[in-house]
Amino acid sequence: MLVSVDVRVLPANPGKTGPPRRHQQSMTLHELRPAPPCGEGPPLDVAAWRRCRLVESGFPPHVAELLAVDPRYDLHALLELVDRGCPPLLAVRIHAPLPEVDR
């Protein structure tokens, strides 16, 4: 059995008395950029407001348009996933409604 008496080769183990470890993010962070304005004043309808929020969060405009008018998609759930680092199109796949089955 080989044992080194040189302490420098052993890994540092601070244990409970060592300095605290730095917190590491588990997901990637989006690059911070100013959100584009959605126009002056509040939108006239809910679909326009939903589309605006989705586009501001990074969804492609054509996808945001489809999601904004489809009440089966939970806007807040989509935005929460994106805020946590999920790519917008993957968030859509995760929250896609189940296909309707004829009974």
N, C-alpha and C. Protein backbone atom coordinates (compact mmCIF):
# COMPACT_ATOMS: atom_id res chain seq x y z
N MET A 1 0.85 -1.17 0.00
CA MET A 1 0.00 0.00 0.00
C MET A 1 0.89 1.23 0.00
N LEU A 2 0.57 2.16 -0.93
CA LEU A 2 1.36 3.38 -1.03
C LEU A 2 0.66 4.50 -0.26
N VAL A 3 1.38 5.12 0.60
CA VAL A 3 0.82 6.23 1.38
C VAL A 3 1.81 7.37 1.31
N SER A 4 1.30 8.53 0.98
CA SER A 4 2.15 9.71 0.90
C SER A 4 2.08 10.46 2.22
N VAL A 5 3.22 10.88 2.68
CA VAL A 5 3.26 11.68 3.90
C VAL A 5 3.26 13.16 3.57
N ASP A 6 3.32 13.48 2.28
CA ASP A 6 3.31 14.87 1.84
C ASP A 6 1.87 15.38 1.89
N VAL A 7 1.59 16.32 2.76
CA VAL A 7 0.25 16.82 2.97
C VAL A 7 -0.26 17.59 1.75
N ARG A 8 0.64 18.13 0.92
CA ARG A 8 0.24 18.93 -0.23
C ARG A 8 -0.54 18.12 -1.27
N VAL A 9 -0.39 16.82 -1.33
CA VAL A 9 -1.10 16.03 -2.32
C VAL A 9 -2.50 15.64 -1.87
N LEU A 10 -2.80 15.82 -0.60
CA LEU A 10 -4.12 15.49 -0.11
C LEU A 10 -5.08 16.65 -0.41
N PRO A 11 -6.31 16.35 -0.78
CA PRO A 11 -7.25 17.43 -1.06
C PRO A 11 -7.61 18.19 0.22
N ALA A 12 -7.83 19.48 0.05
CA ALA A 12 -8.22 20.29 1.19
C ALA A 12 -9.65 19.96 1.57
N ASN A 13 -9.87 19.68 2.83
CA ASN A 13 -11.20 19.37 3.32
C ASN A 13 -11.51 20.33 4.46
N PRO A 14 -12.21 21.44 4.14
CA PRO A 14 -12.42 22.43 5.19
C PRO A 14 -13.36 21.95 6.30
N GLY A 15 -14.21 20.96 6.02
CA GLY A 15 -15.11 20.47 7.05
C GLY A 15 -16.06 21.55 7.53
N LYS A 16 -16.53 21.41 8.76
CA LYS A 16 -17.49 22.37 9.30
C LYS A 16 -16.83 23.68 9.70
N THR A 17 -15.53 23.68 9.93
CA THR A 17 -14.87 24.89 10.40
C THR A 17 -14.26 25.71 9.27
N GLY A 18 -14.32 25.21 8.05
CA GLY A 18 -13.73 25.93 6.92
C GLY A 18 -14.63 27.04 6.42
N PRO A 19 -14.15 27.76 5.44
CA PRO A 19 -14.96 28.85 4.87
C PRO A 19 -16.19 28.28 4.16
N PRO A 20 -17.28 29.04 4.12
CA PRO A 20 -18.49 28.54 3.46
C PRO A 20 -18.27 28.40 1.96
N ARG A 21 -18.91 27.40 1.38
CA ARG A 21 -18.81 27.18 -0.06
C ARG A 21 -19.71 28.15 -0.78
N ARG A 22 -19.30 28.51 -1.98
CA ARG A 22 -20.11 29.42 -2.78
C ARG A 22 -21.28 28.65 -3.39
N HIS A 23 -22.42 29.32 -3.47
CA HIS A 23 -23.62 28.71 -4.06
C HIS A 23 -23.43 28.64 -5.58
N GLN A 24 -23.76 27.52 -6.16
CA GLN A 24 -23.67 27.37 -7.61
C GLN A 24 -25.07 27.26 -8.19
N GLN A 25 -25.31 28.00 -9.27
CA GLN A 25 -26.61 27.94 -9.94
C GLN A 25 -26.75 26.59 -10.64
N SER A 26 -27.94 26.02 -10.58
CA SER A 26 -28.15 24.74 -11.24
C SER A 26 -28.58 24.89 -12.69
N MET A 27 -29.03 26.08 -13.09
CA MET A 27 -29.42 26.32 -14.47
C MET A 27 -28.68 27.54 -14.99
N THR A 28 -28.59 27.63 -16.28
CA THR A 28 -27.90 28.77 -16.86
C THR A 28 -28.74 30.02 -16.73
N LEU A 29 -28.08 31.15 -16.69
CA LEU A 29 -28.77 32.43 -16.59
C LEU A 29 -28.88 33.05 -17.97
N HIS A 30 -29.99 33.71 -18.22
CA HIS A 30 -30.17 34.42 -19.48
C HIS A 30 -29.34 35.70 -19.45
N GLU A 31 -28.91 36.12 -20.60
CA GLU A 31 -28.23 37.39 -20.70
C GLU A 31 -29.24 38.49 -20.40
N LEU A 32 -28.87 39.40 -19.50
CA LEU A 32 -29.79 40.47 -19.15
C LEU A 32 -29.80 41.52 -20.25
N ARG A 33 -30.98 41.85 -20.72
CA ARG A 33 -31.14 42.88 -21.73
C ARG A 33 -32.45 43.60 -21.44
N PRO A 34 -32.54 44.86 -21.80
CA PRO A 34 -33.79 45.57 -21.52
C PRO A 34 -34.93 44.98 -22.33
N ALA A 35 -36.08 44.89 -21.69
CA ALA A 35 -37.25 44.35 -22.35
C ALA A 35 -37.81 45.37 -23.32
N PRO A 36 -38.18 44.93 -24.53
CA PRO A 36 -38.77 45.88 -25.47
C PRO A 36 -40.15 46.29 -24.99
N PRO A 37 -40.50 47.55 -25.20
CA PRO A 37 -41.82 48.00 -24.75
C PRO A 37 -42.93 47.36 -25.59
N CYS A 38 -44.08 47.18 -25.00
CA CYS A 38 -45.22 46.57 -25.69
C CYS A 38 -46.18 47.63 -26.21
N GLY A 39 -45.76 48.80 -26.36
CA GLY A 39 -46.65 49.86 -26.83
C GLY A 39 -47.02 50.78 -25.69
N GLU A 40 -47.70 51.82 -26.02
CA GLU A 40 -48.10 52.80 -25.02
C GLU A 40 -49.41 52.38 -24.37
N GLY A 41 -49.44 52.37 -23.06
CA GLY A 41 -50.65 52.05 -22.32
C GLY A 41 -50.95 50.57 -22.33
N PRO A 42 -52.01 50.19 -21.63
CA PRO A 42 -52.36 48.76 -21.56
C PRO A 42 -52.94 48.26 -22.88
N PRO A 43 -52.69 47.01 -23.22
CA PRO A 43 -53.28 46.44 -24.44
C PRO A 43 -54.81 46.41 -24.33
N LEU A 44 -55.46 46.35 -25.47
CA LEU A 44 -56.92 46.37 -25.50
C LEU A 44 -57.54 45.03 -25.12
N ASP A 45 -56.82 43.92 -25.31
CA ASP A 45 -57.39 42.62 -24.98
C ASP A 45 -56.36 41.72 -24.32
N VAL A 46 -56.85 40.62 -23.76
CA VAL A 46 -55.99 39.70 -23.02
C VAL A 46 -54.99 39.02 -23.94
N ALA A 47 -55.41 38.64 -25.14
CA ALA A 47 -54.51 37.96 -26.08
C ALA A 47 -53.32 38.85 -26.43
N ALA A 48 -53.54 40.14 -26.64
CA ALA A 48 -52.44 41.05 -26.94
C ALA A 48 -51.49 41.16 -25.75
N TRP A 49 -52.04 41.19 -24.55
CA TRP A 49 -51.21 41.25 -23.34
C TRP A 49 -50.38 39.98 -23.20
N ARG A 50 -51.01 38.82 -23.41
CA ARG A 50 -50.28 37.55 -23.32
C ARG A 50 -49.17 37.49 -24.36
N ARG A 51 -49.46 37.89 -25.59
CA ARG A 51 -48.46 37.88 -26.65
C ARG A 51 -47.28 38.76 -26.28
N CYS A 52 -47.57 39.94 -25.76
CA CYS A 52 -46.53 40.87 -25.36
C CYS A 52 -45.62 40.26 -24.29
N ARG A 53 -46.22 39.65 -23.27
CA ARG A 53 -45.42 39.04 -22.19
C ARG A 53 -44.54 37.92 -22.74
N LEU A 54 -45.08 37.11 -23.65
CA LEU A 54 -44.33 35.99 -24.21
C LEU A 54 -43.16 36.49 -25.07
N VAL A 55 -43.39 37.48 -25.90
CA VAL A 55 -42.32 38.03 -26.74
C VAL A 55 -41.23 38.65 -25.87
N GLU A 56 -41.63 39.38 -24.83
CA GLU A 56 -40.64 39.97 -23.91
C GLU A 56 -39.79 38.90 -23.24
N SER A 57 -40.34 37.71 -23.04
CA SER A 57 -39.61 36.63 -22.38
C SER A 57 -38.75 35.80 -23.33
N GLY A 58 -38.79 36.13 -24.62
CA GLY A 58 -37.90 35.44 -25.55
C GLY A 58 -38.58 34.46 -26.48
N PHE A 59 -39.90 34.35 -26.45
CA PHE A 59 -40.59 33.46 -27.37
C PHE A 59 -40.59 34.09 -28.76
N PRO A 60 -40.39 33.28 -29.81
CA PRO A 60 -40.49 33.82 -31.17
C PRO A 60 -41.88 34.42 -31.39
N PRO A 61 -41.98 35.54 -32.10
CA PRO A 61 -43.28 36.20 -32.28
C PRO A 61 -44.38 35.30 -32.85
N HIS A 62 -44.05 34.44 -33.82
CA HIS A 62 -45.10 33.58 -34.38
C HIS A 62 -45.59 32.55 -33.37
N VAL A 63 -44.71 32.07 -32.50
CA VAL A 63 -45.11 31.13 -31.45
C VAL A 63 -45.92 31.85 -30.39
N ALA A 64 -45.47 33.05 -30.02
CA ALA A 64 -46.19 33.84 -29.03
C ALA A 64 -47.62 34.14 -29.49
N GLU A 65 -47.78 34.39 -30.78
CA GLU A 65 -49.12 34.67 -31.32
C GLU A 65 -50.04 33.46 -31.16
N LEU A 66 -49.52 32.27 -31.44
CA LEU A 66 -50.33 31.05 -31.30
C LEU A 66 -50.66 30.75 -29.84
N LEU A 67 -49.69 30.94 -28.95
CA LEU A 67 -49.91 30.65 -27.53
C LEU A 67 -50.85 31.66 -26.89
N ALA A 68 -50.79 32.91 -27.35
CA ALA A 68 -51.58 33.98 -26.73
C ALA A 68 -53.08 33.74 -26.88
N VAL A 69 -53.48 33.13 -27.97
CA VAL A 69 -54.91 32.93 -28.22
C VAL A 69 -55.40 31.55 -27.80
N ASP A 70 -54.50 30.70 -27.32
CA ASP A 70 -54.87 29.34 -26.91
C ASP A 70 -54.98 29.29 -25.38
N PRO A 71 -56.20 29.23 -24.84
CA PRO A 71 -56.37 29.24 -23.38
C PRO A 71 -55.90 27.96 -22.69
N ARG A 72 -55.54 26.94 -23.45
CA ARG A 72 -55.06 25.69 -22.83
C ARG A 72 -53.65 25.84 -22.27
N TYR A 73 -52.92 26.87 -22.69
CA TYR A 73 -51.55 27.10 -22.20
C TYR A 73 -51.60 28.04 -21.01
N ASP A 74 -50.93 27.65 -19.95
CA ASP A 74 -50.83 28.47 -18.74
C ASP A 74 -49.66 29.44 -18.92
N LEU A 75 -49.98 30.70 -19.14
CA LEU A 75 -48.95 31.71 -19.39
C LEU A 75 -47.95 31.78 -18.25
N HIS A 76 -48.43 31.78 -17.02
CA HIS A 76 -47.53 31.92 -15.88
C HIS A 76 -46.59 30.72 -15.75
N ALA A 77 -47.07 29.53 -16.05
CA ALA A 77 -46.21 28.35 -15.99
C ALA A 77 -45.12 28.42 -17.07
N LEU A 78 -45.48 28.88 -18.26
CA LEU A 78 -44.49 29.03 -19.33
C LEU A 78 -43.42 30.04 -18.94
N LEU A 79 -43.86 31.20 -18.44
CA LEU A 79 -42.91 32.25 -18.07
C LEU A 79 -42.03 31.84 -16.90
N GLU A 80 -42.57 31.06 -15.98
CA GLU A 80 -41.77 30.60 -14.84
C GLU A 80 -40.65 29.67 -15.31
N LEU A 81 -40.96 28.77 -16.22
CA LEU A 81 -39.91 27.88 -16.74
C LEU A 81 -38.82 28.68 -17.44
N VAL A 82 -39.21 29.64 -18.25
CA VAL A 82 -38.23 30.46 -18.97
C VAL A 82 -37.40 31.27 -17.98
N ASP A 83 -38.03 31.80 -16.93
CA ASP A 83 -37.29 32.56 -15.92
C ASP A 83 -36.25 31.69 -15.21
N ARG A 84 -36.50 30.39 -15.15
CA ARG A 84 -35.56 29.48 -14.49
C ARG A 84 -34.49 28.95 -15.43
N GLY A 85 -34.51 29.42 -16.69
CA GLY A 85 -33.45 29.04 -17.62
C GLY A 85 -33.86 28.08 -18.71
N CYS A 86 -35.11 27.69 -18.75
CA CYS A 86 -35.58 26.76 -19.78
C CYS A 86 -35.74 27.51 -21.11
N PRO A 87 -35.27 26.95 -22.21
CA PRO A 87 -35.50 27.60 -23.51
C PRO A 87 -37.00 27.70 -23.80
N PRO A 88 -37.45 28.81 -24.40
CA PRO A 88 -38.88 29.01 -24.62
C PRO A 88 -39.58 27.86 -25.36
N LEU A 89 -38.98 27.34 -26.42
CA LEU A 89 -39.64 26.29 -27.18
C LEU A 89 -39.74 24.99 -26.39
N LEU A 90 -38.78 24.74 -25.52
CA LEU A 90 -38.87 23.56 -24.65
C LEU A 90 -39.97 23.75 -23.62
N ALA A 91 -40.12 24.96 -23.11
CA ALA A 91 -41.20 25.25 -22.16
C ALA A 91 -42.56 24.98 -22.79
N VAL A 92 -42.70 25.31 -24.08
CA VAL A 92 -43.96 25.05 -24.79
C VAL A 92 -44.20 23.54 -24.87
N ARG A 93 -43.16 22.79 -25.17
CA ARG A 93 -43.32 21.33 -25.25
C ARG A 93 -43.67 20.72 -23.90
N ILE A 94 -43.07 21.24 -22.83
CA ILE A 94 -43.34 20.70 -21.50
C ILE A 94 -44.79 20.95 -21.10
N HIS A 95 -45.31 22.13 -21.42
CA HIS A 95 -46.67 22.48 -21.01
C HIS A 95 -47.70 22.30 -22.12
N ALA A 96 -47.35 21.57 -23.15
CA ALA A 96 -48.30 21.34 -24.24
C ALA A 96 -49.51 20.58 -23.71
N PRO A 97 -50.72 20.99 -24.11
CA PRO A 97 -51.90 20.29 -23.65
C PRO A 97 -51.97 18.88 -24.23
N LEU A 98 -52.57 17.99 -23.50
CA LEU A 98 -52.73 16.62 -23.99
C LEU A 98 -53.73 16.61 -25.13
N PRO A 99 -53.54 15.72 -26.10
CA PRO A 99 -54.50 15.65 -27.21
C PRO A 99 -55.87 15.21 -26.70
N GLU A 100 -56.90 15.78 -27.29
CA GLU A 100 -58.26 15.43 -26.88
C GLU A 100 -58.62 14.06 -27.47
N VAL A 101 -59.28 13.25 -26.69
CA VAL A 101 -59.66 11.91 -27.12
C VAL A 101 -61.18 11.86 -27.17
N ASP A 102 -61.69 11.32 -28.27
CA ASP A 102 -63.13 11.17 -28.39
C ASP A 102 -63.61 10.09 -27.42
N ARG A 103 -64.70 10.36 -26.74
CA ARG A 103 -65.21 9.37 -25.77
C ARG A 103 -66.40 8.66 -26.31
